């Protein structure tokens, strides 16, 4: 379960948001999401396989 973000903003004298502070858990969760998205982007051109073909391959390899 992903933590809900509770950002704390650092503002300038005019009240304009300049920076944000997150808990370590929130920060690490966001890093994991970015890594996952990068992997998806890298693999987007790979061929796909149907669920049935995957089950057949796993069965043939003795993994199911």
Protein backbone atom coordinates (compact mmCIF):
# COMPACT_ATOMS: atom_id res chain seq x y z
CA UNK A 1 0.00 0.00 0.00
CA UNK A 2 1.40 3.35 -1.03
CA UNK A 3 1.56 6.00 1.67
CA UNK A 4 -0.59 9.08 1.27
CA UNK A 5 1.58 12.11 0.64
CA UNK A 6 1.69 14.77 3.33
CA UNK A 7 3.93 17.43 1.81
CA UNK A 8 5.22 20.38 3.79
CA UNK A 9 5.94 23.41 1.64
CA UNK A 10 8.71 25.94 2.07
CA UNK A 11 7.66 29.31 0.77
CA UNK A 12 9.38 32.58 0.01
CA UNK A 13 8.46 35.88 1.64
CA UNK A 14 5.60 36.35 -0.83
CA UNK A 15 4.11 32.94 0.00
CA UNK A 16 5.19 31.34 -3.30
CA UNK A 17 5.97 27.63 -2.87
CA UNK A 18 9.68 27.09 -3.44
CA UNK A 19 10.40 23.61 -2.05
CA UNK A 20 8.66 20.61 -0.58
CA UNK A 21 9.57 18.34 2.32
CA UNK A 22 8.35 14.72 2.41
CA UNK A 23 8.83 11.96 4.93
CA UNK A 24 11.46 9.36 4.05
CA UNK A 25 8.71 6.76 3.47
CA UNK A 26 6.87 9.06 1.06
CA UNK A 27 10.10 9.95 -0.75
CA UNK A 28 11.17 6.30 -1.11
CA UNK A 29 7.70 5.36 -2.36
CA UNK A 30 7.91 8.04 -5.05
CA UNK A 31 11.38 6.80 -6.06
CA UNK A 32 10.02 3.26 -6.42
CA UNK A 33 7.19 4.57 -8.60
CA UNK A 34 9.68 6.42 -10.82
CA UNK A 35 11.84 3.29 -11.14
CA UNK A 36 8.77 1.21 -12.04
CA UNK A 37 7.73 3.73 -14.69
CA UNK A 38 11.26 3.76 -16.15
CA UNK A 39 11.18 -0.03 -16.47
CA UNK A 40 7.78 0.09 -18.16
CA UNK A 41 9.05 2.75 -20.59
CA UNK A 42 12.14 0.67 -21.42
CA UNK A 43 10.04 -2.42 -22.13
CA UNK A 44 7.14 -0.82 -24.02
CA UNK A 45 8.36 -2.09 -27.42
CA UNK A 46 8.84 -5.69 -26.28
CA UNK A 47 6.48 -8.24 -27.78
CA UNK A 48 3.58 -9.37 -25.63
CA UNK A 49 2.35 -12.88 -24.88
CA UNK A 50 -1.19 -13.99 -24.16
CA UNK A 51 -2.12 -15.31 -20.73
CA UNK A 52 -2.86 -18.72 -22.23
CA UNK A 53 0.54 -18.88 -23.95
CA UNK A 54 2.27 -17.85 -20.73
CA UNK A 55 0.46 -20.57 -18.78
CA UNK A 56 1.42 -23.13 -21.43
CA UNK A 57 5.08 -22.07 -21.32
CA UNK A 58 5.17 -22.16 -17.52
CA UNK A 59 3.51 -25.58 -17.52
CA UNK A 60 5.98 -26.89 -20.11
CA UNK A 61 8.85 -25.61 -17.95
CA UNK A 62 7.35 -27.34 -14.88
CA UNK A 63 6.70 -24.06 -13.11
CA UNK A 64 2.91 -24.48 -12.91
